[in-house]
N, C-alpha and C. Protein backbone atom coordinates (compact mmCIF):
# COMPACT_ATOMS: atom_id res chain seq x y z
N MET A 1 57.83 22.44 3.98
CA MET A 1 57.20 21.31 3.30
C MET A 1 56.10 21.92 2.75
N LYS A 2 55.79 21.44 1.29
CA LYS A 2 54.70 21.75 0.46
C LYS A 2 53.45 21.41 1.02
N LYS A 3 52.48 22.26 0.89
CA LYS A 3 51.10 22.21 1.41
C LYS A 3 50.25 21.39 0.19
N SER A 4 49.33 20.54 0.35
CA SER A 4 48.84 19.90 -0.77
C SER A 4 47.37 19.58 -0.15
N ALA A 5 46.57 19.58 -1.10
CA ALA A 5 45.07 19.30 -0.71
C ALA A 5 44.82 17.74 -0.01
N LEU A 6 45.76 16.91 -0.81
CA LEU A 6 45.75 15.39 -0.47
C LEU A 6 46.56 15.25 0.97
N ASN A 7 47.56 15.97 1.21
CA ASN A 7 48.36 15.79 2.15
C ASN A 7 48.54 17.06 3.07
N PHE A 8 47.57 17.12 4.20
CA PHE A 8 48.06 18.20 5.09
C PHE A 8 48.13 17.67 6.43
N ASP A 9 48.69 18.44 7.28
CA ASP A 9 48.93 18.07 8.83
C ASP A 9 47.65 17.86 9.44
N ILE A 10 47.49 16.96 10.12
CA ILE A 10 46.27 16.77 11.02
C ILE A 10 46.14 17.54 12.11
N LYS A 11 47.51 18.15 12.69
CA LYS A 11 47.05 19.06 13.75
C LYS A 11 46.84 20.34 13.16
N GLU A 12 46.91 20.61 12.08
CA GLU A 12 46.33 21.91 11.41
C GLU A 12 45.18 21.68 10.89
N ALA A 13 44.03 22.17 11.43
CA ALA A 13 42.67 22.17 11.00
C ALA A 13 42.48 23.08 9.88
N PRO A 14 41.67 22.84 8.79
CA PRO A 14 41.51 23.81 7.86
C PRO A 14 40.58 24.67 8.32
N ASP A 15 40.52 25.65 7.36
CA ASP A 15 39.71 26.98 8.04
C ASP A 15 38.07 26.66 7.85
N PHE A 16 37.41 25.68 6.97
CA PHE A 16 36.18 25.30 6.79
C PHE A 16 35.70 24.42 7.80
N VAL A 17 36.59 23.69 8.64
CA VAL A 17 36.09 22.80 9.84
C VAL A 17 36.02 23.56 11.05
N GLU A 18 34.57 23.56 11.49
CA GLU A 18 34.41 23.98 12.85
C GLU A 18 34.12 23.11 13.91
N SER A 19 34.48 23.52 14.90
CA SER A 19 34.20 22.39 16.12
C SER A 19 32.69 22.31 16.25
N ALA A 20 32.47 21.27 16.71
CA ALA A 20 30.88 21.12 17.20
C ALA A 20 30.85 21.42 18.81
N PRO A 21 29.43 21.84 18.82
CA PRO A 21 29.14 22.64 20.39
C PRO A 21 29.19 21.32 21.14
N PRO A 22 29.45 21.48 22.35
CA PRO A 22 29.40 20.50 23.29
C PRO A 22 28.02 19.80 23.59
N VAL A 23 27.93 18.90 23.72
CA VAL A 23 26.65 17.99 23.90
C VAL A 23 26.38 17.94 25.36
N GLN A 24 25.22 18.47 25.80
CA GLN A 24 24.74 18.58 27.29
C GLN A 24 24.27 17.13 27.77
N LYS A 25 24.84 16.87 28.90
CA LYS A 25 24.43 15.58 29.68
C LYS A 25 22.90 15.48 30.13
N LEU A 26 22.42 14.33 29.75
CA LEU A 26 20.87 14.17 30.09
C LEU A 26 20.78 13.77 31.58
N ASP A 27 19.95 14.70 32.03
CA ASP A 27 19.79 14.47 33.49
C ASP A 27 18.65 13.55 33.54
N VAL A 28 18.73 12.24 33.98
CA VAL A 28 18.05 11.21 34.02
C VAL A 28 16.76 11.29 35.19
N PRO A 29 17.26 11.72 36.38
CA PRO A 29 16.04 12.09 37.39
C PRO A 29 14.82 13.03 36.86
N LYS A 30 15.09 14.04 36.05
CA LYS A 30 14.18 14.71 35.57
C LYS A 30 13.20 14.25 34.48
N ILE A 31 13.42 13.20 33.86
CA ILE A 31 12.39 12.56 32.96
C ILE A 31 11.26 12.04 33.89
N ILE A 32 10.04 12.41 33.48
CA ILE A 32 8.77 12.04 33.91
C ILE A 32 8.22 11.04 33.19
N VAL A 33 7.88 9.89 33.98
CA VAL A 33 7.29 8.70 33.47
C VAL A 33 5.71 8.68 33.88
N TYR A 34 4.93 8.64 32.79
CA TYR A 34 3.51 8.79 32.97
C TYR A 34 3.07 7.38 33.02
N GLU A 35 2.16 6.95 33.92
CA GLU A 35 1.37 5.69 34.04
C GLU A 35 0.28 5.93 33.27
N PRO A 36 -0.30 4.91 32.68
CA PRO A 36 -1.52 4.62 31.82
C PRO A 36 -2.54 4.74 32.99
N PRO A 37 -3.73 5.36 32.43
CA PRO A 37 -4.98 5.55 33.41
C PRO A 37 -5.30 4.23 33.95
N GLY A 38 -5.70 4.18 35.07
CA GLY A 38 -6.17 2.99 35.78
C GLY A 38 -5.18 2.12 36.41
N GLY A 39 -3.82 2.26 36.08
CA GLY A 39 -2.60 1.56 36.40
C GLY A 39 -2.40 0.50 35.72
N PHE A 40 -3.22 0.15 34.67
CA PHE A 40 -3.01 -1.14 33.78
C PHE A 40 -1.94 -0.82 32.68
N PRO A 41 -1.39 -1.79 32.61
CA PRO A 41 -0.47 -1.70 31.37
C PRO A 41 -0.90 -1.48 30.01
N VAL A 42 -0.47 -0.79 29.10
CA VAL A 42 -1.01 -0.49 28.06
C VAL A 42 -0.99 -1.89 27.20
N SER A 43 -2.14 -2.31 26.62
CA SER A 43 -2.46 -3.34 25.84
C SER A 43 -2.05 -3.24 24.51
N VAL A 44 -1.49 -4.27 23.98
CA VAL A 44 -0.94 -4.68 22.54
C VAL A 44 -2.32 -5.06 21.58
N PRO A 45 -2.50 -4.47 20.46
CA PRO A 45 -3.59 -4.98 19.99
C PRO A 45 -3.37 -6.22 19.20
N LYS A 46 -4.34 -7.13 19.25
CA LYS A 46 -4.32 -8.47 18.98
C LYS A 46 -4.25 -8.61 17.45
N ARG A 47 -3.77 -9.50 16.90
CA ARG A 47 -3.47 -9.66 15.45
C ARG A 47 -4.89 -9.95 14.85
N SER A 48 -5.03 -9.50 13.78
CA SER A 48 -6.29 -9.75 13.10
C SER A 48 -6.77 -11.35 12.87
N SER A 49 -7.84 -11.88 13.01
CA SER A 49 -7.94 -13.10 13.07
C SER A 49 -8.27 -13.44 11.43
N GLU A 50 -8.37 -14.59 11.11
CA GLU A 50 -8.60 -15.10 9.51
C GLU A 50 -9.94 -14.61 9.13
N LYS A 51 -11.18 -14.62 10.24
CA LYS A 51 -12.20 -14.28 9.75
C LYS A 51 -12.19 -12.57 9.50
N GLU A 52 -11.56 -11.78 10.23
CA GLU A 52 -11.57 -10.46 10.12
C GLU A 52 -11.09 -10.22 8.59
N ARG A 53 -10.13 -10.82 8.31
CA ARG A 53 -9.36 -10.50 7.22
C ARG A 53 -10.20 -10.92 6.01
N ARG A 54 -10.72 -11.91 5.99
CA ARG A 54 -11.71 -12.31 4.92
C ARG A 54 -12.80 -11.33 4.87
N ARG A 55 -13.27 -10.77 6.05
CA ARG A 55 -14.38 -9.84 5.95
C ARG A 55 -14.04 -8.48 5.32
N ARG A 56 -12.74 -8.02 5.67
CA ARG A 56 -12.29 -6.79 5.07
C ARG A 56 -12.10 -6.91 3.57
N LYS A 57 -11.58 -8.21 3.27
CA LYS A 57 -11.27 -8.53 1.79
C LYS A 57 -12.54 -8.64 0.91
N LEU A 58 -13.92 -8.99 1.71
CA LEU A 58 -14.77 -9.06 1.04
C LEU A 58 -15.71 -7.77 1.01
N GLY A 59 -15.26 -6.91 1.93
CA GLY A 59 -16.06 -5.50 1.85
C GLY A 59 -15.18 -4.86 0.61
N ARG A 60 -13.89 -4.90 0.74
CA ARG A 60 -13.22 -4.28 -0.36
C ARG A 60 -13.46 -4.80 -1.84
N PHE A 61 -13.79 -6.07 -1.93
CA PHE A 61 -14.22 -6.65 -3.31
C PHE A 61 -15.63 -5.94 -3.59
N ILE A 62 -16.65 -5.80 -2.47
CA ILE A 62 -17.94 -5.31 -2.83
C ILE A 62 -17.86 -3.94 -3.29
N LYS A 63 -17.09 -3.12 -2.40
CA LYS A 63 -16.93 -1.76 -3.17
C LYS A 63 -16.23 -1.62 -4.49
N LEU A 64 -15.36 -2.14 -4.68
CA LEU A 64 -14.60 -2.07 -6.09
C LEU A 64 -15.41 -2.35 -7.09
N GLU A 65 -16.15 -3.70 -6.91
CA GLU A 65 -17.11 -4.21 -7.95
C GLU A 65 -18.32 -3.35 -8.24
N THR A 66 -18.65 -2.74 -7.05
CA THR A 66 -19.93 -1.80 -7.25
C THR A 66 -19.60 -0.56 -8.04
N VAL A 67 -18.42 -0.06 -7.72
CA VAL A 67 -17.86 0.94 -8.46
C VAL A 67 -17.74 0.60 -9.94
N ALA A 68 -17.13 -0.59 -10.27
CA ALA A 68 -16.97 -0.83 -11.63
C ALA A 68 -18.33 -0.97 -12.23
N LEU A 69 -19.17 -1.69 -11.64
CA LEU A 69 -20.45 -2.02 -12.28
C LEU A 69 -21.23 -0.64 -12.28
N VAL A 70 -21.23 0.42 -11.48
CA VAL A 70 -21.89 1.77 -11.74
C VAL A 70 -21.10 2.28 -12.79
N PHE A 71 -19.98 2.49 -13.02
CA PHE A 71 -19.22 2.81 -14.19
C PHE A 71 -19.66 2.33 -15.54
N LEU A 72 -19.83 1.01 -15.48
CA LEU A 72 -20.35 0.30 -16.67
C LEU A 72 -21.77 0.68 -17.24
N VAL A 73 -22.70 0.90 -16.05
CA VAL A 73 -23.92 1.29 -16.48
C VAL A 73 -23.84 2.39 -16.91
N ILE A 74 -23.10 3.34 -16.39
CA ILE A 74 -23.11 4.91 -17.01
C ILE A 74 -22.68 5.10 -18.18
N THR A 75 -21.64 4.35 -18.47
CA THR A 75 -20.94 4.16 -19.77
C THR A 75 -22.17 3.75 -20.98
N LEU A 76 -22.49 2.52 -20.46
CA LEU A 76 -23.71 1.97 -21.47
C LEU A 76 -24.86 2.99 -21.76
N ALA A 77 -25.19 3.69 -20.78
CA ALA A 77 -26.40 4.42 -20.87
C ALA A 77 -25.73 5.58 -21.71
N GLY A 78 -24.58 6.21 -21.55
CA GLY A 78 -24.27 7.43 -22.39
C GLY A 78 -23.92 6.93 -23.79
N ALA A 79 -23.52 5.50 -23.90
CA ALA A 79 -23.11 5.23 -25.12
C ALA A 79 -24.52 5.20 -26.04
N THR A 80 -25.68 4.97 -25.27
CA THR A 80 -26.88 4.50 -26.23
C THR A 80 -27.92 5.80 -26.27
N SER A 81 -27.52 6.86 -25.55
CA SER A 81 -28.39 7.81 -25.70
C SER A 81 -27.88 8.72 -26.90
N GLU A 82 -29.17 9.29 -27.43
CA GLU A 82 -29.16 9.86 -28.92
C GLU A 82 -28.47 11.25 -28.59
N PRO A 83 -28.69 12.12 -27.91
CA PRO A 83 -27.85 13.22 -27.78
C PRO A 83 -26.44 13.19 -27.82
N LEU A 84 -25.93 12.30 -26.89
CA LEU A 84 -24.45 12.17 -26.94
C LEU A 84 -24.06 11.64 -28.14
N GLN A 85 -24.70 10.79 -28.82
CA GLN A 85 -24.34 10.32 -30.18
C GLN A 85 -24.09 11.41 -31.27
N LYS A 86 -25.02 12.19 -31.18
CA LYS A 86 -25.28 13.37 -32.06
C LYS A 86 -23.85 14.21 -31.96
N LEU A 87 -23.53 14.41 -30.42
CA LEU A 87 -22.41 14.98 -30.04
C LEU A 87 -20.92 14.42 -30.64
N GLY A 88 -20.90 13.20 -31.00
CA GLY A 88 -19.68 12.62 -31.45
C GLY A 88 -18.95 12.03 -30.40
N LEU A 89 -19.50 11.68 -29.13
CA LEU A 89 -19.22 11.14 -27.90
C LEU A 89 -19.01 9.60 -27.93
N GLU A 90 -19.60 9.01 -28.83
CA GLU A 90 -19.79 7.47 -28.84
C GLU A 90 -18.58 6.94 -28.86
N PRO A 91 -17.45 7.06 -29.55
CA PRO A 91 -16.19 6.56 -29.27
C PRO A 91 -15.61 6.33 -28.12
N MET A 92 -15.69 7.54 -27.44
CA MET A 92 -15.39 7.84 -26.03
C MET A 92 -15.95 6.80 -25.02
N PHE A 93 -17.32 6.89 -25.29
CA PHE A 93 -18.21 5.77 -24.64
C PHE A 93 -17.89 4.34 -24.79
N GLN A 94 -17.48 3.90 -26.07
CA GLN A 94 -17.17 2.57 -26.23
C GLN A 94 -15.96 2.17 -25.53
N VAL A 95 -14.88 3.04 -25.51
CA VAL A 95 -13.69 2.78 -24.65
C VAL A 95 -13.78 2.75 -23.20
N GLY A 96 -14.74 3.45 -22.82
CA GLY A 96 -15.27 3.45 -21.57
C GLY A 96 -15.94 2.30 -21.05
N ILE A 97 -16.64 1.66 -21.95
CA ILE A 97 -17.48 0.52 -21.82
C ILE A 97 -16.33 -0.62 -21.71
N PHE A 98 -15.51 -0.66 -22.79
CA PHE A 98 -14.56 -1.91 -22.60
C PHE A 98 -13.68 -1.82 -21.40
N VAL A 99 -13.20 -0.68 -20.72
CA VAL A 99 -12.39 -0.37 -19.70
C VAL A 99 -13.16 -0.71 -18.62
N SER A 100 -14.49 -0.41 -18.34
CA SER A 100 -15.38 -0.74 -17.10
C SER A 100 -15.51 -2.13 -17.20
N ALA A 101 -15.84 -2.94 -18.31
CA ALA A 101 -16.11 -4.20 -18.40
C ALA A 101 -14.86 -5.12 -18.13
N LEU A 102 -13.79 -4.67 -18.52
CA LEU A 102 -12.72 -5.12 -18.06
C LEU A 102 -12.33 -5.14 -16.53
N ALA A 103 -12.65 -3.88 -15.84
CA ALA A 103 -12.46 -3.78 -14.46
C ALA A 103 -13.35 -4.69 -13.81
N VAL A 104 -14.49 -4.91 -14.30
CA VAL A 104 -15.62 -5.82 -13.79
C VAL A 104 -15.07 -7.24 -13.80
N ALA A 105 -14.48 -7.65 -14.73
CA ALA A 105 -13.66 -9.17 -14.93
C ALA A 105 -12.77 -9.15 -14.09
N LEU A 106 -11.92 -8.15 -13.96
CA LEU A 106 -10.53 -8.45 -13.36
C LEU A 106 -10.57 -8.06 -11.77
N VAL A 107 -11.39 -7.54 -11.10
CA VAL A 107 -11.22 -7.18 -9.83
C VAL A 107 -11.35 -8.44 -9.00
N PRO A 108 -12.39 -9.63 -9.31
CA PRO A 108 -12.09 -10.67 -8.55
C PRO A 108 -10.74 -11.49 -8.68
N VAL A 109 -10.37 -11.44 -9.85
CA VAL A 109 -9.17 -12.02 -10.11
C VAL A 109 -8.03 -11.34 -9.48
N ILE A 110 -7.75 -9.99 -9.50
CA ILE A 110 -6.75 -9.35 -8.56
C ILE A 110 -6.94 -9.60 -7.09
N LEU A 111 -8.11 -9.77 -6.41
CA LEU A 111 -8.30 -9.79 -5.25
C LEU A 111 -8.23 -11.21 -4.69
N TYR A 112 -8.94 -12.00 -5.43
CA TYR A 112 -8.92 -13.57 -4.97
C TYR A 112 -7.91 -14.33 -5.80
N GLY A 113 -7.44 -14.03 -6.73
CA GLY A 113 -6.28 -14.55 -7.41
C GLY A 113 -7.10 -15.65 -8.56
N LEU A 114 -6.23 -16.36 -9.35
CA LEU A 114 -6.62 -17.23 -10.34
C LEU A 114 -6.92 -18.66 -9.66
N PRO A 115 -8.10 -19.05 -10.18
CA PRO A 115 -8.47 -20.32 -9.48
C PRO A 115 -7.19 -21.38 -9.69
N ARG A 116 -6.91 -22.41 -8.67
CA ARG A 116 -5.77 -23.12 -8.74
C ARG A 116 -6.28 -24.63 -8.28
N GLN A 117 -5.72 -25.49 -8.57
CA GLN A 117 -5.75 -26.76 -8.34
C GLN A 117 -5.66 -27.05 -7.03
N ARG A 118 -6.50 -27.74 -6.25
CA ARG A 118 -6.51 -27.98 -4.90
C ARG A 118 -5.49 -29.07 -4.41
N TYR A 119 -5.20 -29.92 -5.04
CA TYR A 119 -4.46 -30.94 -4.84
C TYR A 119 -3.40 -31.10 -5.95
N GLY A 120 -2.17 -30.87 -5.84
CA GLY A 120 -1.06 -30.94 -6.69
C GLY A 120 -0.44 -32.17 -6.88
N TYR A 121 0.41 -32.37 -7.79
CA TYR A 121 1.21 -33.72 -8.06
C TYR A 121 2.11 -33.83 -6.86
N ARG A 122 2.52 -32.81 -6.44
CA ARG A 122 3.61 -32.72 -5.40
C ARG A 122 3.38 -33.60 -4.22
N SER A 123 1.93 -33.40 -3.58
CA SER A 123 1.53 -34.25 -2.52
C SER A 123 1.69 -35.79 -2.81
N ARG A 124 1.47 -36.17 -3.94
CA ARG A 124 1.33 -37.72 -4.28
C ARG A 124 2.86 -38.09 -4.56
N ARG A 125 3.74 -37.23 -4.91
CA ARG A 125 4.87 -37.69 -5.17
C ARG A 125 5.79 -37.91 -3.78
N TYR A 126 5.40 -37.15 -2.91
CA TYR A 126 6.15 -37.41 -1.54
C TYR A 126 5.51 -38.35 -0.54
N ARG A 127 4.23 -38.97 -0.93
CA ARG A 127 3.70 -39.91 -0.05
C ARG A 127 4.55 -41.06 0.45
N ALA A 128 4.65 -41.63 1.45
CA ALA A 128 5.48 -42.61 1.92
C ALA A 128 4.81 -44.05 1.39
N ARG A 129 5.51 -44.77 0.79
CA ARG A 129 4.95 -46.21 0.35
C ARG A 129 5.15 -47.26 0.98
């Protein structure tokens, strides 16, 4: 019988195939279970409440807005200073002013979303008559 790469006898293993080492059995009685201190079960942390989420979101907003405003003030000061204008850095500061003003305007929109209409037409459409 002619040997082929596609048709080989299963009883005959190729040279590149090695047998896997035997797996050792796990001795279950040797596993040590540690109890939490005090004998109390481990408590699962509670889900954060809506107030905590709002507080974190407000904190993140204040941090980002502060950074954007500080950057805006720095770029405004740099654009109006005479020594930096003489060096020819005014166009760079003008771009910085635009970017920082855009950041100041977009941070609230990104964090809190665009203003939406509170009562849509959908609620009126499905009202029972």
